[in-house]
Amino acid sequence: MEELLVKLYDSLSTAFQEKLKTKEVYHFENEEGIDAFKTLMFLKKNNNDLNKLMLNGSMSIDELKYLFDKEVIDECFKANYIIRGNLINNDKVFIGANGMFKLYSIKNYNTQEIFKAFDSNNFKLGKELSLKTQEKIWCIFLMLFGADSADKSFNTEGLSTKKLNEYHKFFISIEKEMKENELNLGKQVGWETGKDSVFRKFITNNVDLPKTSLYFKKGAYQYYLDLSKRKNAIYFLDLILDNYKGEQRLIANEIFYNVIKDLSLKISYDLGEMPGTINKYIIEELKN
């Protein structure tokens, strides 16, 4: 069994070496050769691309039958150590993650570090999220429109170009009001170029916001924040006012409270709309 797994492992390692970018390939620290298991665990590929890559590292079933006993091959299939390609590729076989784990166990390699690194990389263990200015402005916008639950999501479906342009100008006014009141949201937005120049692209200019568990997209065009609990509101404010600590944060809370009241009025004046009801937990935390 070990020899079969090594054969397929080496074939996959060669494919990784040839098809992946240098930065995507991991090597063993104290030995020569590619750490194919760690490389696979850290790959950012969709299902189709990953399947193509694995097939590049496959061998034909006929070649395996020539090199190894049928009993060994059947045992590996039964244990899901090796995988057949789908449909027209069912004559090809490659080693899967389970097979790599088995091979590493046989060779007494340290797999725990791989899984720890995988968890840390994918789930941001011990890492704080930091929102970009664009993300903060979008959150403040949703808060001002009362989009603090799925039932009160902000619906952009069917809005005219004129209305979307008005909302985009309101984004700009949010940053302006914060700046005039000396509240630092982060790096100033370049409103004239790229994603920041139009409403629909601006709201997609995010990195950490979807990872916060506060922000949700409902269907294709509706968006909301989950501020249904006090701890969510506290986390929201910590993300928005992350540049302030201790006594400075208390001052920032007071200023932020006054600014969002002014911005709420601007919704009526500038957009001709009724402002939303600002989340009660947000108000309570800012007034404490």
Protein backbone atom coordinates (compact mmCIF):
# COMPACT_ATOMS: atom_id res chain seq x y z
CA MET A 1 0.00 0.00 0.00
CA GLU A 2 2.71 2.47 0.94
CA GLU A 3 4.42 2.08 -2.43
CA LEU A 4 1.17 2.77 -4.30
CA LEU A 5 0.45 5.88 -2.23
CA VAL A 6 4.02 7.12 -2.73
CA LYS A 7 3.69 6.64 -6.49
CA LEU A 8 0.53 8.72 -6.69
CA TYR A 9 1.86 11.25 -4.19
CA ASP A 10 4.98 11.82 -6.32
CA SER A 11 2.83 12.18 -9.44
CA LEU A 12 0.68 14.82 -7.73
CA SER A 13 3.76 16.63 -6.37
CA THR A 14 5.10 16.91 -9.92
CA ALA A 15 1.79 18.39 -11.09
CA PHE A 16 1.84 20.91 -8.24
CA GLN A 17 5.39 21.89 -9.18
CA GLU A 18 4.46 22.39 -12.84
CA LYS A 19 0.98 23.92 -12.58
CA LEU A 20 1.04 26.08 -9.44
CA LYS A 21 2.67 29.40 -8.73
CA THR A 22 5.82 29.26 -6.61
CA LYS A 23 4.09 31.00 -3.69
CA GLU A 24 1.32 28.36 -3.69
CA VAL A 25 3.69 25.42 -3.21
CA TYR A 26 4.90 24.41 0.27
CA HIS A 27 8.06 22.41 0.93
CA PHE A 28 9.14 20.29 3.89
CA GLU A 29 11.21 22.35 6.33
CA ASN A 30 13.97 19.83 6.99
CA GLU A 31 13.77 17.66 3.89
CA GLU A 32 13.85 18.17 0.16
CA GLY A 33 10.62 17.84 -1.78
CA ILE A 34 7.15 19.31 -1.92
CA ASP A 35 4.80 19.04 1.02
CA ALA A 36 1.84 18.14 -1.19
CA PHE A 37 -0.55 17.68 1.74
CA LYS A 38 0.05 21.18 3.09
CA THR A 39 -0.04 22.60 -0.42
CA LEU A 40 -3.45 21.01 -1.02
CA MET A 41 -4.82 22.24 2.31
CA PHE A 42 -3.88 25.83 1.53
CA LEU A 43 -4.97 25.97 -2.12
CA LYS A 44 -7.57 28.58 -3.05
CA LYS A 45 -9.25 26.90 -6.02
CA ASN A 46 -12.83 26.37 -7.08
CA ASN A 47 -14.03 22.79 -7.53
CA ASN A 48 -13.50 22.67 -11.29
CA ASP A 49 -9.96 24.04 -11.16
CA LEU A 50 -9.05 21.76 -8.26
CA ASN A 51 -10.36 18.70 -10.11
CA LYS A 52 -8.33 19.61 -13.19
CA LEU A 53 -5.23 20.05 -11.05
CA MET A 54 -5.68 16.71 -9.30
CA LEU A 55 -6.21 14.97 -12.65
CA ASN A 56 -2.92 16.47 -13.82
CA GLY A 57 -1.32 14.51 -10.98
CA SER A 58 -3.18 11.28 -11.71
CA MET A 59 -2.13 7.95 -13.20
CA SER A 60 -4.14 5.61 -15.39
CA ILE A 61 -5.86 2.71 -13.69
CA ASP A 62 -4.22 0.35 -16.21
CA GLU A 63 -0.76 1.54 -15.18
CA LEU A 64 -1.60 1.01 -11.52
CA LYS A 65 -2.87 -2.49 -12.25
CA TYR A 66 0.40 -3.24 -14.03
CA LEU A 67 2.52 -1.99 -11.12
CA PHE A 68 0.50 -3.17 -8.11
CA ASP A 69 -1.61 -6.11 -7.01
CA LYS A 70 -5.36 -5.80 -7.47
CA GLU A 71 -5.88 -6.45 -3.76
CA VAL A 72 -3.79 -3.41 -2.82
CA ILE A 73 -5.61 -1.17 -5.30
CA ASP A 74 -9.02 -2.37 -4.10
CA GLU A 75 -8.01 -1.80 -0.48
CA CYS A 76 -6.98 1.78 -1.23
CA PHE A 77 -10.25 2.47 -3.06
CA LYS A 78 -12.27 0.96 -0.24
CA ALA A 79 -10.50 3.14 2.34
CA ASN A 80 -10.89 6.23 0.09
CA TYR A 81 -7.16 6.76 -0.03
CA ILE A 82 -7.27 7.06 -3.82
CA ILE A 83 -9.94 8.63 -6.05
CA ARG A 84 -11.14 7.98 -9.59
CA GLY A 85 -11.79 10.90 -11.90
CA ASN A 86 -15.40 11.63 -12.86
CA LEU A 87 -17.18 10.69 -16.08
CA ILE A 88 -14.77 10.50 -19.05
CA ASN A 89 -11.84 10.70 -16.62
CA ASN A 90 -12.84 7.56 -14.71
CA ASP A 91 -9.78 5.77 -16.09
CA LYS A 92 -7.56 8.12 -14.06
CA VAL A 93 -6.69 7.80 -10.37
CA PHE A 94 -5.14 10.29 -7.94
CA ILE A 95 -4.34 10.37 -4.25
CA GLY A 96 -6.79 12.31 -2.09
CA ALA A 97 -6.38 14.19 1.18
CA ASN A 98 -7.31 11.06 3.13
CA GLY A 99 -4.63 9.10 1.26
CA MET A 100 -2.03 11.77 2.00
CA PHE A 101 -2.94 11.67 5.67
CA LYS A 102 -2.51 7.89 5.63
CA LEU A 103 0.87 8.17 3.89
CA TYR A 104 2.09 10.83 6.31
CA SER A 105 1.00 8.63 9.21
CA ILE A 106 2.90 5.67 7.77
CA LYS A 107 6.01 7.82 7.37
CA ASN A 108 5.48 9.39 10.80
CA TYR A 109 5.32 12.93 9.42
CA ASN A 110 3.89 15.66 11.64
CA THR A 111 0.38 16.36 10.32
CA GLN A 112 -0.83 18.27 13.36
CA GLU A 113 1.06 21.39 12.32
CA ILE A 114 -0.64 21.27 8.92
CA PHE A 115 -4.11 21.22 10.47
CA LYS A 116 -3.22 23.93 12.99
CA ALA A 117 -1.93 26.14 10.18
CA PHE A 118 -5.04 25.38 8.11
CA ASP A 119 -7.34 26.44 10.95
CA SER A 120 -5.33 29.58 11.62
CA ASN A 121 -5.26 30.54 7.95
CA ASN A 122 -8.96 29.96 7.29
CA PHE A 123 -10.60 30.94 10.54
CA LYS A 124 -8.34 33.83 11.64
CA LEU A 125 -7.70 32.31 15.05
CA GLY A 126 -6.41 34.98 17.39
CA LYS A 127 -6.46 37.61 14.63
CA GLU A 128 -8.56 40.75 14.92
CA LEU A 129 -10.43 42.00 11.88
CA SER A 130 -9.89 45.56 10.76
CA LEU A 131 -12.36 47.23 8.40
CA LYS A 132 -11.30 49.50 5.56
CA THR A 133 -12.77 53.01 5.48
CA GLN A 134 -15.08 51.93 2.65
CA GLU A 135 -16.43 49.09 4.76
CA LYS A 136 -17.01 51.39 7.72
CA ILE A 137 -18.90 53.92 5.59
CA TRP A 138 -21.13 51.19 4.14
CA CYS A 139 -21.87 49.90 7.67
CA ILE A 140 -22.71 53.39 8.92
CA PHE A 141 -24.97 53.88 5.89
CA LEU A 142 -26.87 50.66 6.65
CA MET A 143 -27.16 51.62 10.30
CA LEU A 144 -28.58 55.06 9.40
CA PHE A 145 -31.19 53.41 7.20
CA GLY A 146 -32.20 51.10 10.03
CA ALA A 147 -31.03 47.93 8.25
CA ASP A 148 -30.23 46.09 11.49
CA SER A 149 -32.01 42.79 10.77
CA ALA A 150 -33.09 40.59 7.87
CA ASP A 151 -36.63 41.96 8.07
CA LYS A 152 -35.36 45.53 7.71
CA SER A 153 -32.74 44.92 5.03
CA PHE A 154 -31.77 47.76 2.69
CA ASN A 155 -33.18 46.91 -0.75
CA THR A 156 -31.34 48.30 -3.79
CA GLU A 157 -33.23 46.28 -6.39
CA GLY A 158 -34.70 48.37 -9.20
CA LEU A 159 -33.21 51.65 -8.01
CA SER A 160 -32.59 54.19 -10.76
CA THR A 161 -29.12 55.38 -11.69
CA LYS A 162 -30.10 58.79 -10.32
CA LYS A 163 -31.00 57.35 -6.92
CA LEU A 164 -27.83 55.24 -6.78
CA ASN A 165 -25.79 58.34 -7.55
CA GLU A 166 -27.54 60.16 -4.71
CA TYR A 167 -26.68 57.35 -2.32
CA HIS A 168 -23.09 57.44 -3.51
CA LYS A 169 -22.95 61.17 -2.75
CA PHE A 170 -24.31 60.37 0.69
CA PHE A 171 -21.39 57.96 1.20
CA ILE A 172 -19.10 60.92 0.54
CA SER A 173 -21.00 63.07 3.02
CA ILE A 174 -20.56 60.38 5.71
CA GLU A 175 -16.79 60.55 5.35
CA LYS A 176 -16.92 64.38 5.21
CA GLU A 177 -18.97 64.63 8.41
CA MET A 178 -16.63 62.28 10.24
CA LYS A 179 -13.59 64.21 9.08
CA GLU A 180 -15.08 67.60 10.00
CA ASN A 181 -15.75 66.26 13.50
CA GLU A 182 -12.21 64.86 13.69
CA LEU A 183 -13.30 61.23 13.80
CA ASN A 184 -10.71 59.05 12.10
CA LEU A 185 -12.21 56.19 10.10
CA GLY A 186 -8.95 55.34 8.37
CA LYS A 187 -7.38 56.05 5.00
CA GLN A 188 -9.28 58.64 2.95
CA VAL A 189 -11.36 57.21 0.11
CA GLY A 190 -10.51 58.06 -3.50
CA TRP A 191 -14.02 58.68 -4.71
CA GLU A 192 -13.26 59.41 -8.35
CA THR A 193 -11.68 56.15 -9.49
CA GLY A 194 -12.11 52.37 -9.44
CA LYS A 195 -14.66 50.64 -7.26
CA ASP A 196 -15.14 53.71 -5.09
CA SER A 197 -16.56 55.81 -7.94
CA VAL A 198 -20.05 54.21 -8.14
CA PHE A 199 -22.51 52.85 -5.63
CA ARG A 200 -22.77 49.20 -6.65
CA LYS A 201 -19.03 48.72 -6.96
CA PHE A 202 -18.32 50.66 -3.75
CA ILE A 203 -20.37 48.27 -1.62
CA THR A 204 -18.36 45.31 -2.95
CA ASN A 205 -15.04 46.94 -2.01
CA ASN A 206 -14.60 44.92 1.15
CA VAL A 207 -12.14 42.47 2.63
CA ASP A 208 -12.94 41.74 6.27
CA LEU A 209 -16.56 42.90 6.51
CA PRO A 210 -18.11 39.59 5.34
CA LYS A 211 -15.95 37.78 7.93
CA THR A 212 -17.36 39.73 10.88
CA SER A 213 -20.60 37.70 11.10
CA LEU A 214 -22.44 41.05 11.32
CA TYR A 215 -22.92 41.72 7.61
CA PHE A 216 -25.31 39.82 5.35
CA LYS A 217 -26.53 39.89 1.76
CA LYS A 218 -30.13 38.78 1.39
CA GLY A 219 -30.80 37.62 -2.14
CA ALA A 220 -29.15 39.60 -4.91
CA TYR A 221 -29.77 43.20 -3.84
CA GLN A 222 -30.65 43.38 -0.15
CA TYR A 223 -28.16 44.04 2.65
CA TYR A 224 -28.31 44.27 6.42
CA LEU A 225 -26.34 44.17 9.66
CA ASP A 226 -27.22 41.78 12.46
CA LEU A 227 -27.52 44.10 15.45
CA SER A 228 -30.10 41.96 17.21
CA LYS A 229 -27.95 41.57 20.32
CA ARG A 230 -26.08 44.05 22.47
CA LYS A 231 -22.79 42.19 21.99
CA ASN A 232 -23.22 42.59 18.22
CA ALA A 233 -23.69 46.34 18.62
CA ILE A 234 -20.61 46.57 20.84
CA TYR A 235 -18.58 44.65 18.25
CA PHE A 236 -19.92 46.92 15.50
CA LEU A 237 -18.80 50.05 17.35
CA ASP A 238 -15.41 48.49 18.12
CA LEU A 239 -14.93 47.90 14.39
CA ILE A 240 -15.98 51.42 13.39
CA LEU A 241 -14.06 53.24 16.15
CA ASP A 242 -11.04 50.94 16.31
CA ASN A 243 -8.63 53.89 16.20
CA TYR A 244 -9.67 54.94 19.69
CA LYS A 245 -8.91 53.37 23.07
CA GLY A 246 -9.54 54.20 26.73
CA GLU A 247 -10.60 57.76 27.44
CA GLN A 248 -10.27 58.72 23.78
CA ARG A 249 -12.83 56.08 22.90
CA LEU A 250 -15.35 57.57 25.34
CA ILE A 251 -14.93 60.93 23.65
CA ALA A 252 -15.18 59.30 20.23
CA ASN A 253 -18.44 57.60 21.26
CA GLU A 254 -19.99 60.94 22.13
CA ILE A 255 -18.84 62.58 18.91
CA PHE A 256 -20.00 59.62 16.83
CA TYR A 257 -23.43 59.78 18.47
CA ASN A 258 -23.79 63.45 17.53
CA VAL A 259 -22.55 62.85 13.99
CA ILE A 260 -24.99 60.03 13.27
CA LYS A 261 -27.85 62.21 14.54
CA ASP A 262 -26.79 64.93 12.08
CA LEU A 263 -26.42 62.40 9.28
CA SER A 264 -29.87 61.03 10.01
CA LEU A 265 -31.29 64.50 9.46
CA LYS A 266 -29.32 64.81 6.23
CA ILE A 267 -31.18 61.78 4.88
CA SER A 268 -34.35 63.87 4.98
CA TYR A 269 -32.73 67.02 3.60
CA ASP A 270 -30.43 65.54 0.96
CA LEU A 271 -32.33 62.47 -0.14
CA GLY A 272 -35.92 63.41 0.61
CA GLU A 273 -36.43 60.17 2.51
CA MET A 274 -37.40 59.22 6.00
CA PRO A 275 -34.30 58.04 7.93
CA GLY A 276 -34.35 54.64 9.50
CA THR A 277 -34.53 54.02 13.22
CA ILE A 278 -31.00 53.68 14.54
CA ASN A 279 -30.52 50.44 16.44
CA LYS A 280 -31.39 50.80 20.12
CA TYR A 281 -28.32 48.92 21.34
CA ILE A 282 -26.06 51.24 19.31
CA ILE A 283 -27.70 54.30 20.90
CA GLU A 284 -27.51 52.84 24.40
CA GLU A 285 -23.82 51.96 24.05
CA LEU A 286 -22.91 55.39 22.68
CA LYS A 287 -24.79 57.18 25.48
CA ASN A 288 -23.31 55.09 28.30
